[in-house]
Protein backbone atom coordinates (compact mmCIF):
# COMPACT_ATOMS: atom_id res chain seq x y z
CA MET A 1 89.78 60.38 157.25
CA GLN A 2 87.55 58.48 154.82
CA LEU A 3 86.85 59.85 151.34
CA SER A 4 84.26 58.72 148.80
CA LEU A 5 82.96 59.82 145.41
CA SER A 6 79.40 59.96 144.12
CA ALA A 7 77.16 61.72 141.63
CA ASP A 8 74.26 61.99 144.11
CA ASP A 9 71.84 64.90 144.01
CA PRO A 10 73.18 67.45 146.54
CA ARG A 11 69.62 67.94 147.79
CA LYS A 12 69.77 64.37 149.08
CA ALA A 13 73.25 64.52 150.56
CA THR A 14 73.36 63.67 154.25
CA ALA A 15 76.17 65.65 155.86
CA ASP A 16 76.88 67.93 158.77
CA LEU A 17 78.11 70.43 156.19
CA LEU A 18 77.49 70.72 152.45
CA ALA A 19 80.28 72.89 151.03
CA ILE A 20 79.75 74.37 147.57
CA ALA A 21 82.47 75.69 145.29
CA CYS A 22 81.17 78.94 143.80
CA ASP A 23 82.59 80.30 140.56
CA GLN A 24 82.15 84.06 140.32
CA ALA A 25 81.40 83.91 136.60
CA THR A 26 78.50 81.46 136.83
CA LEU A 27 77.16 81.97 140.35
CA ALA A 28 73.84 83.52 139.31
CA ARG A 29 72.93 80.65 137.01
CA ASP A 30 74.45 77.68 138.82
CA PRO A 31 71.79 74.94 138.53
CA SER A 32 72.83 73.28 141.80
CA LEU A 33 72.42 76.52 143.74
CA LEU A 34 69.05 77.17 142.13
CA ALA A 35 67.87 73.66 143.03
CA LEU A 36 69.07 74.03 146.61
CA ASP A 37 67.44 77.44 146.87
CA HIS A 38 64.12 75.97 145.72
CA ALA A 39 64.39 73.25 148.37
CA LEU A 40 65.09 75.92 150.98
CA GLY A 41 62.12 78.05 150.00
CA GLY A 42 64.22 80.85 148.54
CA SER A 43 66.33 81.48 151.64
CA LEU A 44 69.63 80.67 149.91
CA LEU A 45 69.37 83.32 147.21
CA ARG A 46 68.12 85.82 149.80
CA ALA A 47 71.17 85.14 151.95
CA ILE A 48 73.43 85.51 148.89
CA ALA A 49 71.89 88.89 148.14
CA ASP A 50 71.81 90.09 151.76
CA GLU A 51 75.46 89.15 152.38
CA ARG A 52 76.57 90.44 148.98
CA PHE A 53 78.15 87.10 148.22
CA ASP A 54 79.32 87.06 144.60
CA GLY A 55 81.79 84.15 144.57
CA SER A 56 84.90 86.31 144.87
CA ALA A 57 88.02 84.43 145.90
CA GLY A 58 88.10 83.91 149.65
CA GLN A 59 84.44 84.72 150.32
CA LEU A 60 82.49 82.49 152.70
CA LEU A 61 78.76 82.31 153.38
CA THR A 62 77.27 79.77 155.81
CA LEU A 63 73.67 79.11 156.79
CA HIS A 64 71.60 76.47 158.54
CA THR A 65 69.16 74.49 156.41
CA GLN A 66 66.54 74.38 159.18
CA ASP A 67 65.90 70.70 158.42
CA ARG A 68 64.71 71.46 154.87
CA LEU A 69 67.65 69.42 153.57
CA PRO A 70 69.33 66.26 154.90
CA SER A 71 72.51 68.34 155.29
CA ARG A 72 72.47 70.50 158.43
CA ARG A 73 74.46 73.45 157.08
CA LEU A 74 75.55 74.94 153.79
CA ALA A 75 78.83 76.72 153.18
CA LEU A 76 79.38 78.66 149.97
CA LEU A 77 83.05 79.25 149.23
CA GLY A 78 84.10 81.71 146.54
CA LEU A 79 86.73 80.62 144.03
CA GLY A 80 86.89 83.84 142.04
CA ARG A 81 86.45 83.85 138.28
CA GLN A 82 87.26 80.37 136.97
CA THR A 83 86.84 79.85 133.23
CA ALA A 84 88.15 76.29 132.97
CA ALA A 85 89.25 73.29 135.00
CA ASN A 86 91.68 74.44 137.69
CA PRO A 87 92.85 71.64 140.01
CA PRO A 88 94.84 73.92 142.39
CA ALA A 89 91.69 76.01 142.91
CA LEU A 90 89.80 72.82 143.80
CA ARG A 91 92.50 71.89 146.32
CA ALA A 92 92.18 75.33 147.91
CA PHE A 93 88.38 74.96 148.05
CA ALA A 94 88.56 71.56 149.73
CA ALA A 95 91.12 72.81 152.26
CA ARG A 96 88.98 75.81 153.17
CA ALA A 97 85.92 73.59 153.43
CA ALA A 98 87.79 71.27 155.80
CA ARG A 99 88.71 74.22 158.03
CA VAL A 100 85.08 75.39 158.09
CA ALA A 101 84.01 71.86 158.98
CA HIS A 102 86.46 71.63 161.87
CA SER A 103 85.40 75.07 163.14
CA ALA A 104 81.75 74.02 163.02
CA GLY A 105 82.43 70.69 164.73
CA ALA A 106 81.27 68.77 161.65
CA ALA A 107 82.16 65.09 161.44
CA ASN A 108 81.27 64.65 157.79
CA VAL A 109 81.26 67.09 154.90
CA ALA A 110 80.06 66.85 151.32
CA LEU A 111 81.95 68.83 148.68
CA LEU A 112 79.94 70.02 145.67
CA VAL A 113 81.89 71.22 142.62
CA PRO A 114 80.36 72.65 139.41
CA SER A 115 80.95 70.38 136.45
CA HIS A 116 82.73 73.02 134.36
CA LEU A 117 85.53 73.16 136.95
CA LEU A 118 86.28 69.45 136.65
CA GLY A 119 87.22 69.06 132.99
CA THR A 120 85.54 66.79 130.49
CA ASP A 121 87.82 63.76 130.13
CA VAL A 122 88.79 60.92 132.42
CA SER A 123 92.30 62.16 133.23
CA ALA A 124 91.06 65.66 134.12
CA VAL A 125 88.43 64.34 136.51
CA MET A 126 90.94 61.93 138.07
CA ILE A 127 93.26 64.89 138.71
CA ALA A 128 90.36 66.85 140.18
CA VAL A 129 89.63 64.01 142.61
CA GLN A 130 93.31 63.85 143.56
CA PHE A 131 93.49 67.60 144.27
CA LEU A 132 90.23 67.62 146.22
CA THR A 133 91.62 64.78 148.33
CA GLU A 134 94.85 66.69 148.95
CA GLY A 135 92.93 69.79 149.99
CA ALA A 136 90.57 67.97 152.35
CA LEU A 137 93.52 66.40 154.17
CA LEU A 138 95.83 69.42 154.16
CA GLY A 139 93.05 71.71 155.37
CA GLY A 140 92.79 69.61 158.50
CA TYR A 141 96.50 69.82 159.34
CA HIS A 142 97.46 71.34 162.68
CA PHE A 143 100.75 70.97 164.53
CA ASP A 144 99.70 70.57 168.17
CA ARG A 145 102.14 68.00 169.54
CA TYR A 146 103.28 70.34 172.31
CA ILE A 147 99.84 71.66 173.29
CA SER A 148 98.10 70.01 176.22
CA PRO A 149 95.26 67.74 175.02
CA GLU A 150 92.60 69.81 176.76
CA LYS A 151 93.81 72.97 174.99
CA ARG A 152 94.01 71.54 171.47
CA ALA A 153 91.52 72.74 168.87
CA PRO A 154 89.14 69.85 168.18
CA ARG A 155 89.67 68.02 164.88
CA THR A 156 86.25 66.58 164.16
CA LEU A 157 86.18 65.85 160.44
CA SER A 158 86.31 62.13 159.64
CA GLN A 159 84.34 61.68 156.39
CA VAL A 160 84.44 63.61 153.10
CA ASP A 161 82.07 62.87 150.24
CA LEU A 162 82.93 64.31 146.82
CA LEU A 163 79.74 65.16 144.93
CA LEU A 164 80.74 65.37 141.28
CA GLU A 165 78.43 65.15 138.29
CA ALA A 166 81.40 63.72 136.42
CA ALA A 167 81.83 60.88 138.92
CA PRO A 168 80.96 58.23 136.29
CA LEU A 169 84.05 59.35 134.35
CA VAL A 170 86.34 58.09 137.10
CA PRO A 171 86.95 54.39 136.46
CA ASP A 172 89.41 53.98 139.32
CA VAL A 173 88.50 56.46 142.01
CA ALA A 174 90.54 54.55 144.58
CA SER A 175 93.81 55.29 142.77
CA ALA A 176 93.03 59.01 142.49
CA ILE A 177 92.14 59.22 146.19
CA SER A 178 95.19 57.12 147.10
CA ARG A 179 97.53 59.38 145.13
CA GLY A 180 96.03 62.50 146.71
CA THR A 181 96.32 60.92 150.14
CA ILE A 182 99.96 59.89 149.82
CA LEU A 183 100.92 63.34 148.49
CA ALA A 184 99.07 65.10 151.29
CA GLU A 185 100.76 62.84 153.81
CA ALA A 186 104.16 63.65 152.31
CA VAL A 187 103.44 67.38 152.60
CA MET A 188 102.27 66.95 156.21
CA ARG A 189 105.37 64.92 157.03
CA ALA A 190 107.51 67.78 155.74
CA ARG A 191 105.43 70.25 157.77
CA ASP A 192 105.92 68.21 160.92
CA LEU A 193 109.69 68.21 160.44
CA VAL A 194 109.82 71.95 159.83
CA ASN A 195 107.56 72.71 162.80
CA GLU A 196 109.53 70.64 165.30
CA PRO A 197 111.66 72.68 167.72
CA ALA A 198 115.37 72.63 166.98
CA GLY A 199 116.02 71.30 170.47
CA TYR A 200 114.28 68.10 169.40
CA LEU A 201 114.98 67.93 165.68
CA THR A 202 118.77 67.77 165.77
CA PRO A 203 120.73 66.38 162.81
CA THR A 204 120.76 63.00 164.56
CA GLN A 205 116.99 63.07 165.04
CA LEU A 206 116.42 64.11 161.43
CA ALA A 207 118.52 61.15 160.33
CA SER A 208 116.41 58.92 162.58
CA ALA A 209 113.24 60.25 160.92
CA ALA A 210 114.79 59.44 157.52
CA ARG A 211 115.52 55.89 158.69
CA ASP A 212 111.90 55.48 159.75
CA LEU A 213 110.83 56.68 156.30
CA ALA A 214 113.18 54.21 154.64
CA ASP A 215 111.82 51.35 156.73
CA GLN A 216 108.20 52.24 156.04
CA PHE A 217 108.56 52.67 152.27
CA HIS A 218 111.38 50.20 151.54
CA LEU A 219 113.92 52.83 150.54
CA ASP A 220 117.69 52.48 150.69
CA ILE A 221 119.44 54.73 153.20
CA THR A 222 122.98 55.66 154.11
CA VAL A 223 123.77 58.06 156.95
CA LEU A 224 127.30 59.46 157.23
CA GLY A 225 128.73 60.78 160.48
CA PRO A 226 131.66 63.21 160.91
CA LYS A 227 134.35 60.61 160.24
CA GLU A 228 132.76 59.40 156.99
CA CYS A 229 132.26 63.00 155.86
CA ARG A 230 135.94 63.74 156.57
CA ASP A 231 136.89 60.68 154.55
CA LYS A 232 134.90 62.17 151.66
CA ASN A 233 136.63 65.56 152.07
CA MET A 234 133.43 67.50 152.85
CA GLY A 235 135.37 70.45 154.24
CA LEU A 236 132.68 73.08 153.73
CA PHE A 237 129.93 71.04 155.40
CA LEU A 238 132.11 70.04 158.34
CA ALA A 239 133.30 73.62 158.91
CA VAL A 240 129.70 74.77 159.37
CA ALA A 241 129.09 71.87 161.77
CA GLN A 242 132.18 72.33 163.94
CA GLY A 243 130.74 75.15 166.07
CA SER A 244 127.98 72.96 167.51
CA THR A 245 128.07 70.25 170.15
CA GLU A 246 125.51 68.37 168.02
CA GLU A 247 127.18 66.04 165.53
CA PRO A 248 126.35 66.50 161.83
CA ARG A 249 124.68 63.83 159.74
CA PHE A 250 124.73 63.42 155.96
CA ILE A 251 121.57 61.62 154.78
CA HIS A 252 121.37 59.72 151.49
CA LEU A 253 117.90 58.28 150.85
CA SER A 254 117.31 56.51 147.55
CA TRP A 255 114.71 54.79 145.38
CA ARG A 256 116.32 52.43 142.84
CA PRO A 257 113.79 50.51 140.73
CA GLU A 258 115.08 47.88 138.34
CA GLY A 259 115.48 49.05 134.76
CA ALA A 260 115.49 52.77 135.56
CA LYS A 261 117.04 54.79 132.73
CA LYS A 262 117.10 58.19 134.47
CA ARG A 263 118.68 59.23 137.75
CA ILE A 264 117.53 62.41 139.49
CA ILE A 265 119.35 63.86 142.50
CA LEU A 266 117.43 66.00 145.01
CA VAL A 267 119.50 68.04 147.46
CA GLY A 268 117.92 69.75 150.45
CA LYS A 269 119.47 72.23 152.84
CA GLY A 270 119.38 70.63 156.28
CA VAL A 271 120.48 73.30 158.77
CA THR A 272 118.36 72.31 161.76
CA PHE A 273 119.11 75.59 163.54
CA ASP A 274 120.89 78.62 162.17
CA SER A 275 122.16 81.12 164.71
CA GLY A 276 124.33 82.74 162.05
CA GLY A 277 127.47 81.35 163.66
CA LEU A 278 129.98 84.05 164.64
CA SER A 279 128.09 86.38 162.27
CA LEU A 280 125.33 86.12 164.87
CA LYS A 281 121.78 86.92 163.83
CA PRO A 282 119.70 89.37 165.91
CA ASN A 283 116.98 87.86 168.08
CA ASP A 284 114.15 88.49 165.59
CA GLY A 285 116.19 87.02 162.75
CA MET A 286 116.86 83.88 164.78
CA LEU A 287 113.35 83.18 166.06
CA ASP A 288 112.26 81.10 163.08
CA MET A 289 115.57 79.44 162.30
CA LYS A 290 114.36 75.99 163.32
CA THR A 291 112.83 76.06 159.82
CA ASP A 292 116.16 76.35 158.00
CA MET A 293 115.96 72.67 157.11
CA ALA A 294 112.76 73.02 155.03
CA GLY A 295 114.64 72.01 151.88
CA ALA A 296 115.77 68.77 153.49
CA ALA A 297 112.25 68.16 154.82
CA ALA A 298 110.85 68.50 151.29
CA VAL A 299 113.30 66.21 149.49
CA LEU A 300 113.19 63.51 152.19
CA SER A 301 109.40 63.57 152.54
CA VAL A 302 108.65 63.39 148.81
CA MET A 303 110.45 60.05 148.68
CA SER A 304 107.46 58.40 150.35
CA ALA A 305 105.28 59.38 147.38
CA VAL A 306 107.97 58.32 144.89
CA ALA A 307 108.13 54.86 146.44
CA HIS A 308 104.37 54.52 146.96
CA GLN A 309 103.68 55.38 143.32
CA ARG A 310 106.63 53.21 142.21
CA LEU A 311 107.96 55.76 139.75
CA PRO A 312 110.20 54.01 137.19
CA ILE A 313 113.15 56.37 137.67
CA GLU A 314 116.03 56.37 140.13
CA VAL A 315 115.73 59.14 142.72
CA HIS A 316 118.23 60.12 145.41
CA ALA A 317 117.48 62.59 148.23
CA LEU A 318 120.55 64.11 149.90
CA ALA A 319 120.66 66.30 152.99
CA ALA A 320 123.77 67.61 154.75
CA CYS A 321 122.30 68.19 158.23
CA THR A 322 123.94 70.35 160.87
CA GLU A 323 123.48 73.24 163.25
CA ASN A 324 125.25 76.55 162.65
CA MET A 325 126.36 77.74 166.09
CA PRO A 326 128.90 80.13 167.62
CA SER A 327 131.50 78.67 169.97
CA GLY A 328 135.22 78.52 170.50
CA ARG A 329 135.33 75.82 167.83
CA ALA A 330 133.24 77.70 165.25
CA TYR A 331 134.64 78.47 161.84
CA LYS A 332 135.76 82.09 161.52
CA LEU A 333 135.64 84.98 159.12
CA GLY A 334 138.73 84.88 156.97
CA ASP A 335 139.05 81.10 157.14
CA VAL A 336 139.86 79.34 153.87
CA LEU A 337 138.06 76.03 153.50
CA ARG A 338 138.52 73.24 150.97
CA SER A 339 135.38 71.72 149.46
CA LYS A 340 134.73 68.14 148.43
CA ALA A 341 135.18 69.31 144.84
CA GLY A 342 138.66 70.65 145.68
CA LYS A 343 137.74 74.33 145.33
CA THR A 344 138.79 76.64 148.16
CA VAL A 345 136.40 79.14 149.73
CA GLU A 346 137.20 82.23 151.79
CA ILE A 347 134.63 82.89 154.50
CA ASN A 348 133.44 86.47 154.82
CA ASN A 349 130.10 85.71 156.49
CA THR A 350 129.38 82.64 158.63
CA ASP A 351 125.65 83.31 158.20
CA ALA A 352 125.98 82.27 154.54
CA GLU A 353 126.40 78.67 155.63
CA GLY A 354 123.66 77.01 153.60
CA ARG A 355 125.50 77.35 150.32
CA LEU A 356 128.56 75.71 151.90
CA THR A 357 126.61 72.63 152.98
CA LEU A 358 124.84 72.49 149.62
CA ALA A 359 128.08 72.73 147.65
CA ASP A 360 129.49 69.58 149.26
CA ALA A 361 126.14 67.80 148.95
CA ILE A 362 125.96 68.70 145.26
CA SER A 363 129.48 67.34 144.75
CA TYR A 364 128.44 64.11 146.47
CA GLY A 365 125.42 63.93 144.15
CA LEU A 366 127.52 64.50 141.05
CA ASP A 367 129.53 61.39 141.92
CA LEU A 368 126.29 59.43 141.26
CA ALA A 369 126.31 60.55 137.59
CA PRO A 370 122.80 62.06 137.59
CA THR A 371 120.57 62.93 134.66
CA ALA A 372 119.78 66.16 136.53
CA ILE A 373 120.38 67.62 139.98
CA LEU A 374 117.95 69.90 141.82
CA ASP A 375 118.59 71.65 145.13
CA PHE A 376 116.08 73.21 147.53
CA ALA A 377 117.02 75.64 150.25
CA THR A 378 115.80 78.39 152.53
CA LEU A 379 118.87 80.18 151.28
CA THR A 380 118.51 83.98 151.20
CA GLY A 381 116.40 86.76 152.61
CA ALA A 382 117.26 88.56 149.39
CA CYS A 383 114.99 86.19 147.48
CA MET A 384 112.10 87.16 149.75
CA VAL A 385 112.86 90.83 149.12
CA ALA A 386 112.74 90.18 145.38
CA LEU A 387 109.71 87.89 145.17
CA GLY A 388 107.79 88.25 148.44
CA PRO A 389 106.79 85.57 150.92
CA HIS A 390 104.81 83.25 148.62
CA THR A 391 107.04 82.72 145.58
CA ALA A 392 110.20 80.64 145.28
CA GLY A 393 113.07 81.80 143.12
CA VAL A 394 114.40 79.38 140.50
CA MET A 395 117.89 79.54 139.01
CA THR A 396 119.43 77.17 136.48
CA ASN A 397 122.22 76.36 134.06
CA ASN A 398 119.79 74.65 131.66
CA ASP A 399 116.79 76.47 130.19
CA ALA A 400 115.09 73.30 128.92
CA LEU A 401 115.21 71.76 132.39
CA CYS A 402 113.93 74.99 133.90
CA SER A 403 110.95 75.05 131.53
CA GLU A 404 110.06 71.49 132.55
CA TRP A 405 110.39 72.42 136.22
CA LEU A 406 108.24 75.55 135.98
CA ALA A 407 105.57 73.63 134.05
CA ALA A 408 105.48 71.10 136.88
CA ALA A 409 105.21 73.91 139.43
CA ALA A 410 102.27 75.45 137.56
CA ALA A 411 100.50 72.09 137.39
CA ALA A 412 101.12 71.47 141.10
CA GLY A 413 99.91 74.96 142.03
CA GLU A 414 103.11 76.17 143.73
CA GLU A 415 104.33 79.67 142.88
CA MET A 416 107.82 79.86 141.40
CA TRP A 417 109.65 82.41 139.26
CA LYS A 418 112.82 82.14 137.21
CA LEU A 419 115.66 84.45 138.21
CA PRO A 420 118.82 85.13 136.16
CA LEU A 421 122.39 84.20 136.95
CA PRO A 422 124.33 87.15 135.45
CA ASP A 423 127.99 86.33 134.92
CA ARG A 424 128.92 89.94 135.77
CA LEU A 425 127.95 89.27 139.39
CA LEU A 426 130.64 86.59 139.64
CA GLN A 427 133.06 89.44 140.27
CA GLN A 428 131.49 89.77 143.72
CA LEU A 429 132.64 86.26 144.62
CA LYS A 430 136.31 86.77 143.69
CA SER A 431 138.78 86.26 146.51
CA ASP A 432 142.41 87.35 146.81
CA VAL A 433 143.33 84.24 148.80
CA ALA A 434 140.98 81.46 147.56
CA ASP A 435 139.03 80.31 144.54
CA LEU A 436 135.82 81.93 145.83
CA LYS A 437 134.33 84.00 148.63
CA ASN A 438 131.13 82.63 150.12
CA THR A 439 129.16 85.88 149.77
CA GLY A 440 129.03 88.88 147.51
CA GLU A 441 127.63 92.35 148.04
CA ARG A 442 124.16 93.19 149.35
CA TRP A 443 122.60 93.79 145.96
CA GLY A 444 121.59 90.66 144.09
CA GLY A 445 122.21 88.45 147.11
CA ALA A 446 119.93 85.64 145.91
CA LEU A 447 121.68 85.62 142.54
CA THR A 448 125.22 85.52 143.90
CA ALA A 449 124.16 82.61 146.11
CA GLY A 450 122.96 80.82 142.98
CA LEU A 451 126.18 81.70 141.16
CA PHE A 452 128.20 80.28 144.06
CA LEU A 453 126.36 76.96 143.78
CA ARG A 454 126.73 76.94 139.98
CA GLU A 455 130.50 76.90 140.44
CA PHE A 456 130.17 73.37 141.87
CA VAL A 457 127.72 71.94 139.33
CA GLY A 458 129.71 71.87 136.10
CA ASP A 459 127.74 70.93 132.98
CA THR A 460 125.18 68.67 134.68
CA PRO A 461 121.64 70.05 134.19
CA TRP A 462 120.82 71.81 137.46
CA ILE A 463 118.00 73.69 139.16
CA HIS A 464 118.34 75.76 142.33
CA VAL A 465 115.11 76.60 144.19
CA ASP A 466 115.34 79.28 146.89
CA LEU A 467 112.21 78.68 148.97
CA ALA A 468 113.03 80.99 151.87
CA GLY A 469 109.68 82.78 151.49
CA PRO A 470 107.06 80.07 150.92
CA SER A 471 108.63 77.44 153.21
CA THR A 472 106.65 78.93 156.11
CA ALA A 473 103.47 80.97 156.47
CA ASP A 474 102.23 83.37 159.13
CA LYS A 475 98.61 82.25 158.71
CA ASP A 476 96.50 79.54 157.09
CA PHE A 477 95.85 80.20 153.41
CA ASP A 478 94.18 77.83 150.97
CA HIS A 479 95.86 74.42 151.40
CA GLN A 480 98.89 75.88 153.17
CA SER A 481 99.04 76.02 156.95
CA LYS A 482 100.48 78.45 159.45
CA GLY A 483 104.05 77.46 160.22
CA GLY A 484 105.84 75.00 157.97
CA THR A 485 104.04 74.63 154.64
CA GLY A 486 105.75 71.62 153.07
CA PHE A 487 106.34 73.81 150.02
CA GLY A 488 108.11 72.06 147.15
CA VAL A 489 106.90 68.52 147.82
CA LEU A 490 104.04 68.72 145.31
CA THR A 491 106.15 70.23 142.53
CA ILE A 492 109.01 67.80 143.05
CA PHE A 493 106.64 64.86 142.75
CA GLU A 494 104.90 66.31 139.69
CA TYR A 495 108.27 66.90 138.02
CA LEU A 496 109.45 63.38 138.79
CA ARG A 497 106.17 61.93 137.56
CA ARG A 498 106.57 63.74 134.25
CA VAL A 499 110.20 62.69 133.91
CA SER A 500 109.21 59.09 134.52
CA GLN A 501 106.72 59.25 131.64
CA SER A 502 109.03 60.96 129.13
């Protein structure tokens, strides 16, 4: 897809579709709408009145221009009440406009954004261009690899023109579009990995995808097999893996620029299929378990953007990849396992396997002496019960780090909420025969999972992000797509970008 930026009069824009971002607060006096209405002989304002379009979030109004404008159709998309520059809202607008364009069979679309939504300085407008680019690309995403070509929904959009009055403020539009493009591609790469069937995306295949990423973006990579993991005493990870005929793989992908003064470790849960093991899930609970590696997909995929933007910090992405399957070799309830860190863990639920793989991966990461370590996992249904399907839970041992992380999430437009780690709940993880049990009681399940991981972190600043809810979606919404969403990629990059500048 080609993207360009101009300050052209929208009445002269030549496009199959002219999409207009409509702010509820200023809709009635928007000068662009008034000018377009005049060119259309009053039909635009009549349509707005007839359809009761007021710019509310999610509203859509389309109409043909009947050859009164160079653009064939108009689409008004409501943003709700926006009082200031809001880049995530612009990304959502561009994504929705892209979907409308594809539905209408449009090959080129012009995006018109009111000036008050762009900001007034160079950096704000550059960010707006980046987010509009992300939205235009992400709105066109569709995972159709396994659909016969003749049955695939047509993807027609090939050109997007950004019509911004503030265009002269953007001295280097190419860099803003490039950054938006590489981030959107990283998100789509993560979506592809999450959407792949588990029969294809085995741990070995996920490691192969990581190697391809390393080759393309000149990253360093190490992949450990079962023997190497045994040599490193990864007893928790290997116990989860032993029930499957598919071999596990431990992926270590890294970006090491010269002179880097900070080292950030990203850990992603990489369970490519989770049956629950001997604590077998019911059918409905297992249907979507190909997505249980969304954390790994996020941390591996974001590395492309890190390398492309040449961030001046050292970044390592780690993923302990395995299936969790029942068999005669599967680990059992009551087993006592020894972790890489030396702690012993009593197993009282084999469906709480993610925290076991993460614990050994975190210990591996701590050996790299990081400035901070962050893990990402589709870890608990309890987090979805607490926060719903759209918000990730964040737990930490360092409030300053957590504030930085949540600020990055807000800037990236991904919903996250801090949850506590109450020491009283540690009682639930006490074992009579080992240092820890791997699960606690039903109540506070997301928190006891976080407390379990904290036991392996020590004093290193640490963030745990439970993204069980927002890692997938049951329908398209704003820039997110049905199926795997690539959630976390945008916040991780924004956090790393900020760290690299501090």
